[in-house]
Amino acid sequence: MKTLLVVLTLGAFAQGAIAGESDCREIESTSGRLACYDAAFPPKVKKSIAVEIDISRAPYKDPFVAEEARTAAKLKNICRGC
């Protein structure tokens, strides 16, 4: 029970430490404030999407192509107006 209380207490204090604000708000010049915010929160670099082409893997084959062909053949054989 005591460990749970200690963990909850530390968790409550850790939130305040994590949420600590930077002093960028107090800077008067706009360029200096912008530089401060840029340093505090650097832009995230987007990773390029690497497309892996595996030659040993067979190309995708739609499993319903054969079923659709059979259904279309059956529909063509129906007499419409005999």
N, C-alpha and C. Protein backbone atom coordinates (compact mmCIF):
# COMPACT_ATOMS: atom_id res chain seq x y z
N MET A 1 0.82 -1.19 0.00
CA MET A 1 0.00 0.00 0.00
C MET A 1 0.87 1.25 0.00
N LYS A 2 1.96 1.17 0.76
CA LYS A 2 2.85 2.33 0.83
C LYS A 2 3.54 2.58 -0.51
N THR A 3 3.88 1.49 -1.20
CA THR A 3 4.55 1.67 -2.49
C THR A 3 3.61 2.31 -3.50
N LEU A 4 2.34 1.95 -3.44
CA LEU A 4 1.36 2.56 -4.33
C LEU A 4 1.24 4.05 -4.05
N LEU A 5 1.22 4.42 -2.79
CA LEU A 5 1.14 5.82 -2.41
C LEU A 5 2.38 6.59 -2.87
N VAL A 6 3.54 5.97 -2.73
CA VAL A 6 4.79 6.61 -3.16
C VAL A 6 4.81 6.78 -4.67
N VAL A 7 4.37 5.77 -5.39
CA VAL A 7 4.36 5.85 -6.86
C VAL A 7 3.39 6.93 -7.33
N LEU A 8 2.22 7.01 -6.74
CA LEU A 8 1.25 8.04 -7.11
C LEU A 8 1.77 9.44 -6.79
N THR A 9 2.43 9.59 -5.66
CA THR A 9 2.99 10.89 -5.28
C THR A 9 4.09 11.30 -6.25
N LEU A 10 4.97 10.39 -6.58
CA LEU A 10 6.04 10.70 -7.53
C LEU A 10 5.48 11.01 -8.91
N GLY A 11 4.43 10.30 -9.29
CA GLY A 11 3.79 10.57 -10.58
C GLY A 11 3.18 11.95 -10.62
N ALA A 12 2.61 12.40 -9.52
CA ALA A 12 2.01 13.73 -9.47
C ALA A 12 3.08 14.82 -9.58
N PHE A 13 4.21 14.62 -8.93
CA PHE A 13 5.28 15.62 -9.00
C PHE A 13 6.00 15.59 -10.34
N ALA A 14 6.07 14.42 -10.96
CA ALA A 14 6.75 14.31 -12.25
C ALA A 14 6.00 15.06 -13.33
N GLN A 15 4.68 15.11 -13.24
CA GLN A 15 3.90 15.85 -14.24
C GLN A 15 4.25 17.32 -14.22
N GLY A 16 4.46 17.88 -13.06
CA GLY A 16 4.85 19.29 -12.97
C GLY A 16 6.22 19.54 -13.55
N ALA A 17 7.13 18.61 -13.36
CA ALA A 17 8.48 18.77 -13.89
C ALA A 17 8.49 18.63 -15.41
N ILE A 18 7.68 17.73 -15.93
CA ILE A 18 7.63 17.53 -17.37
C ILE A 18 6.97 18.71 -18.05
N ALA A 19 5.96 19.27 -17.41
CA ALA A 19 5.21 20.37 -18.01
C ALA A 19 5.85 21.72 -17.77
N GLY A 20 7.09 21.74 -17.30
CA GLY A 20 7.76 23.01 -17.05
C GLY A 20 7.89 23.82 -18.32
N GLU A 21 7.50 25.09 -18.25
CA GLU A 21 7.52 25.94 -19.43
C GLU A 21 8.90 26.57 -19.61
N SER A 22 9.24 26.86 -20.82
CA SER A 22 10.49 27.55 -21.07
C SER A 22 10.29 29.04 -20.85
N ASP A 23 11.38 29.77 -20.79
CA ASP A 23 11.31 31.21 -20.54
C ASP A 23 11.22 32.01 -21.83
N CYS A 24 10.80 31.39 -22.89
CA CYS A 24 10.72 32.08 -24.19
C CYS A 24 9.64 33.16 -24.17
N ARG A 25 8.64 33.01 -23.35
CA ARG A 25 7.54 33.96 -23.30
C ARG A 25 8.01 35.34 -22.83
N GLU A 26 9.06 35.36 -22.03
CA GLU A 26 9.53 36.61 -21.44
C GLU A 26 10.42 37.42 -22.37
N ILE A 27 10.86 36.87 -23.49
CA ILE A 27 11.76 37.57 -24.41
C ILE A 27 10.97 38.61 -25.18
N GLU A 28 11.48 39.83 -25.23
CA GLU A 28 10.77 40.95 -25.85
C GLU A 28 10.83 40.93 -27.37
N SER A 29 12.01 40.71 -27.94
CA SER A 29 12.15 40.77 -29.40
C SER A 29 11.52 39.54 -30.04
N THR A 30 10.85 39.77 -31.16
CA THR A 30 10.15 38.66 -31.82
C THR A 30 11.12 37.65 -32.41
N SER A 31 12.23 38.14 -32.97
CA SER A 31 13.18 37.20 -33.56
C SER A 31 13.87 36.37 -32.48
N GLY A 32 14.17 36.99 -31.35
CA GLY A 32 14.78 36.24 -30.25
C GLY A 32 13.83 35.22 -29.66
N ARG A 33 12.54 35.59 -29.53
CA ARG A 33 11.53 34.68 -29.01
C ARG A 33 11.34 33.50 -29.96
N LEU A 34 11.33 33.81 -31.27
CA LEU A 34 11.18 32.74 -32.26
C LEU A 34 12.37 31.79 -32.22
N ALA A 35 13.57 32.34 -32.07
CA ALA A 35 14.76 31.49 -31.98
C ALA A 35 14.71 30.62 -30.72
N CYS A 36 14.20 31.19 -29.63
CA CYS A 36 14.08 30.43 -28.39
C CYS A 36 13.10 29.27 -28.55
N TYR A 37 11.95 29.55 -29.15
CA TYR A 37 10.96 28.48 -29.36
C TYR A 37 11.48 27.44 -30.36
N ASP A 38 12.21 27.88 -31.37
CA ASP A 38 12.78 26.92 -32.31
C ASP A 38 13.79 26.01 -31.63
N ALA A 39 14.56 26.57 -30.70
CA ALA A 39 15.53 25.75 -29.97
C ALA A 39 14.83 24.82 -28.98
N ALA A 40 13.74 25.30 -28.37
CA ALA A 40 13.04 24.48 -27.39
C ALA A 40 12.25 23.35 -28.04
N PHE A 41 11.66 23.64 -29.19
CA PHE A 41 10.84 22.65 -29.89
C PHE A 41 11.32 22.53 -31.33
N PRO A 42 12.38 21.75 -31.57
CA PRO A 42 12.90 21.63 -32.93
C PRO A 42 11.89 20.94 -33.84
N PRO A 43 11.88 21.30 -35.12
CA PRO A 43 10.94 20.67 -36.05
C PRO A 43 11.27 19.19 -36.22
N LYS A 44 10.23 18.40 -36.38
CA LYS A 44 10.42 16.97 -36.56
C LYS A 44 10.80 16.69 -38.01
N VAL A 45 11.78 15.84 -38.18
CA VAL A 45 12.24 15.47 -39.52
C VAL A 45 11.39 14.31 -40.00
N LYS A 46 10.79 14.49 -41.16
CA LYS A 46 9.96 13.42 -41.72
C LYS A 46 10.87 12.38 -42.37
N LYS A 47 10.61 11.14 -42.05
CA LYS A 47 11.38 10.05 -42.62
C LYS A 47 10.83 9.73 -44.00
N SER A 48 11.72 9.49 -44.92
CA SER A 48 11.27 9.10 -46.26
C SER A 48 10.76 7.66 -46.21
N ILE A 49 9.74 7.42 -46.97
CA ILE A 49 9.15 6.09 -47.01
C ILE A 49 9.99 5.21 -47.94
N ALA A 50 10.55 4.20 -47.38
CA ALA A 50 11.38 3.29 -48.16
C ALA A 50 10.50 2.18 -48.70
N VAL A 51 10.45 2.07 -50.00
CA VAL A 51 9.65 1.03 -50.63
C VAL A 51 10.56 -0.16 -50.89
N GLU A 52 10.19 -1.25 -50.29
CA GLU A 52 10.98 -2.46 -50.47
C GLU A 52 10.36 -3.30 -51.57
N ILE A 53 11.14 -3.62 -52.55
CA ILE A 53 10.67 -4.46 -53.64
C ILE A 53 11.35 -5.82 -53.47
N ASP A 54 10.56 -6.81 -53.22
CA ASP A 54 11.07 -8.16 -53.03
C ASP A 54 10.80 -8.95 -54.29
N ILE A 55 11.85 -9.24 -55.04
CA ILE A 55 11.71 -9.94 -56.31
C ILE A 55 11.31 -11.39 -56.09
N SER A 56 11.74 -11.98 -54.99
CA SER A 56 11.44 -13.38 -54.76
C SER A 56 9.96 -13.60 -54.43
N ARG A 57 9.27 -12.55 -54.08
CA ARG A 57 7.86 -12.67 -53.75
C ARG A 57 7.01 -12.54 -55.01
N ALA A 58 6.03 -13.41 -55.13
CA ALA A 58 5.17 -13.40 -56.31
C ALA A 58 4.27 -12.17 -56.30
N PRO A 59 3.93 -11.65 -57.46
CA PRO A 59 3.04 -10.48 -57.50
C PRO A 59 1.65 -10.84 -56.97
N TYR A 60 0.92 -9.84 -56.58
CA TYR A 60 -0.41 -10.04 -56.00
C TYR A 60 -1.36 -10.62 -57.03
N LYS A 61 -2.09 -11.63 -56.61
CA LYS A 61 -3.07 -12.26 -57.49
C LYS A 61 -4.42 -12.17 -56.81
N ASP A 62 -5.37 -11.53 -57.46
CA ASP A 62 -6.71 -11.35 -56.91
C ASP A 62 -7.42 -12.70 -56.88
N PRO A 63 -7.86 -13.15 -55.72
CA PRO A 63 -8.48 -14.47 -55.63
C PRO A 63 -9.88 -14.52 -56.24
N PHE A 64 -10.49 -13.38 -56.51
CA PHE A 64 -11.86 -13.37 -57.02
C PHE A 64 -11.94 -13.22 -58.54
N VAL A 65 -10.83 -13.15 -59.22
CA VAL A 65 -10.85 -12.99 -60.68
C VAL A 65 -11.49 -14.20 -61.34
N ALA A 66 -11.11 -15.39 -60.93
CA ALA A 66 -11.67 -16.61 -61.53
C ALA A 66 -13.16 -16.72 -61.23
N GLU A 67 -13.55 -16.39 -60.02
CA GLU A 67 -14.97 -16.45 -59.65
C GLU A 67 -15.79 -15.46 -60.46
N GLU A 68 -15.27 -14.25 -60.65
CA GLU A 68 -15.98 -13.24 -61.44
C GLU A 68 -16.09 -13.66 -62.90
N ALA A 69 -15.06 -14.32 -63.43
CA ALA A 69 -15.11 -14.79 -64.81
C ALA A 69 -16.17 -15.88 -64.97
N ARG A 70 -16.27 -16.80 -64.01
CA ARG A 70 -17.30 -17.85 -64.08
C ARG A 70 -18.70 -17.26 -64.00
N THR A 71 -18.89 -16.28 -63.12
CA THR A 71 -20.21 -15.65 -62.98
C THR A 71 -20.58 -14.91 -64.25
N ALA A 72 -19.63 -14.20 -64.85
CA ALA A 72 -19.90 -13.47 -66.09
C ALA A 72 -20.24 -14.43 -67.22
N ALA A 73 -19.56 -15.58 -67.29
CA ALA A 73 -19.85 -16.57 -68.33
C ALA A 73 -21.25 -17.16 -68.15
N LYS A 74 -21.65 -17.40 -66.92
CA LYS A 74 -23.00 -17.92 -66.67
C LYS A 74 -24.06 -16.91 -67.05
N LEU A 75 -23.81 -15.64 -66.78
CA LEU A 75 -24.79 -14.60 -67.11
C LEU A 75 -24.93 -14.40 -68.61
N LYS A 76 -23.83 -14.59 -69.36
CA LYS A 76 -23.89 -14.43 -70.81
C LYS A 76 -24.69 -15.55 -71.46
N ASN A 77 -24.76 -16.70 -70.83
CA ASN A 77 -25.48 -17.84 -71.40
C ASN A 77 -26.97 -17.81 -71.12
N ILE A 78 -27.43 -16.88 -70.33
CA ILE A 78 -28.86 -16.79 -70.03
C ILE A 78 -29.57 -16.21 -71.25
N CYS A 79 -30.61 -16.88 -71.71
CA CYS A 79 -31.38 -16.42 -72.86
C CYS A 79 -32.33 -15.34 -72.41
N ARG A 80 -32.27 -14.17 -73.04
CA ARG A 80 -33.14 -13.06 -72.65
C ARG A 80 -34.13 -12.79 -73.78
N GLY A 81 -35.18 -13.45 -73.81
CA GLY A 81 -36.18 -13.21 -74.83
C GLY A 81 -36.29 -14.34 -75.83
N CYS A 82 -36.08 -15.55 -75.39
CA CYS A 82 -36.18 -16.70 -76.29
C CYS A 82 -37.60 -16.93 -76.73
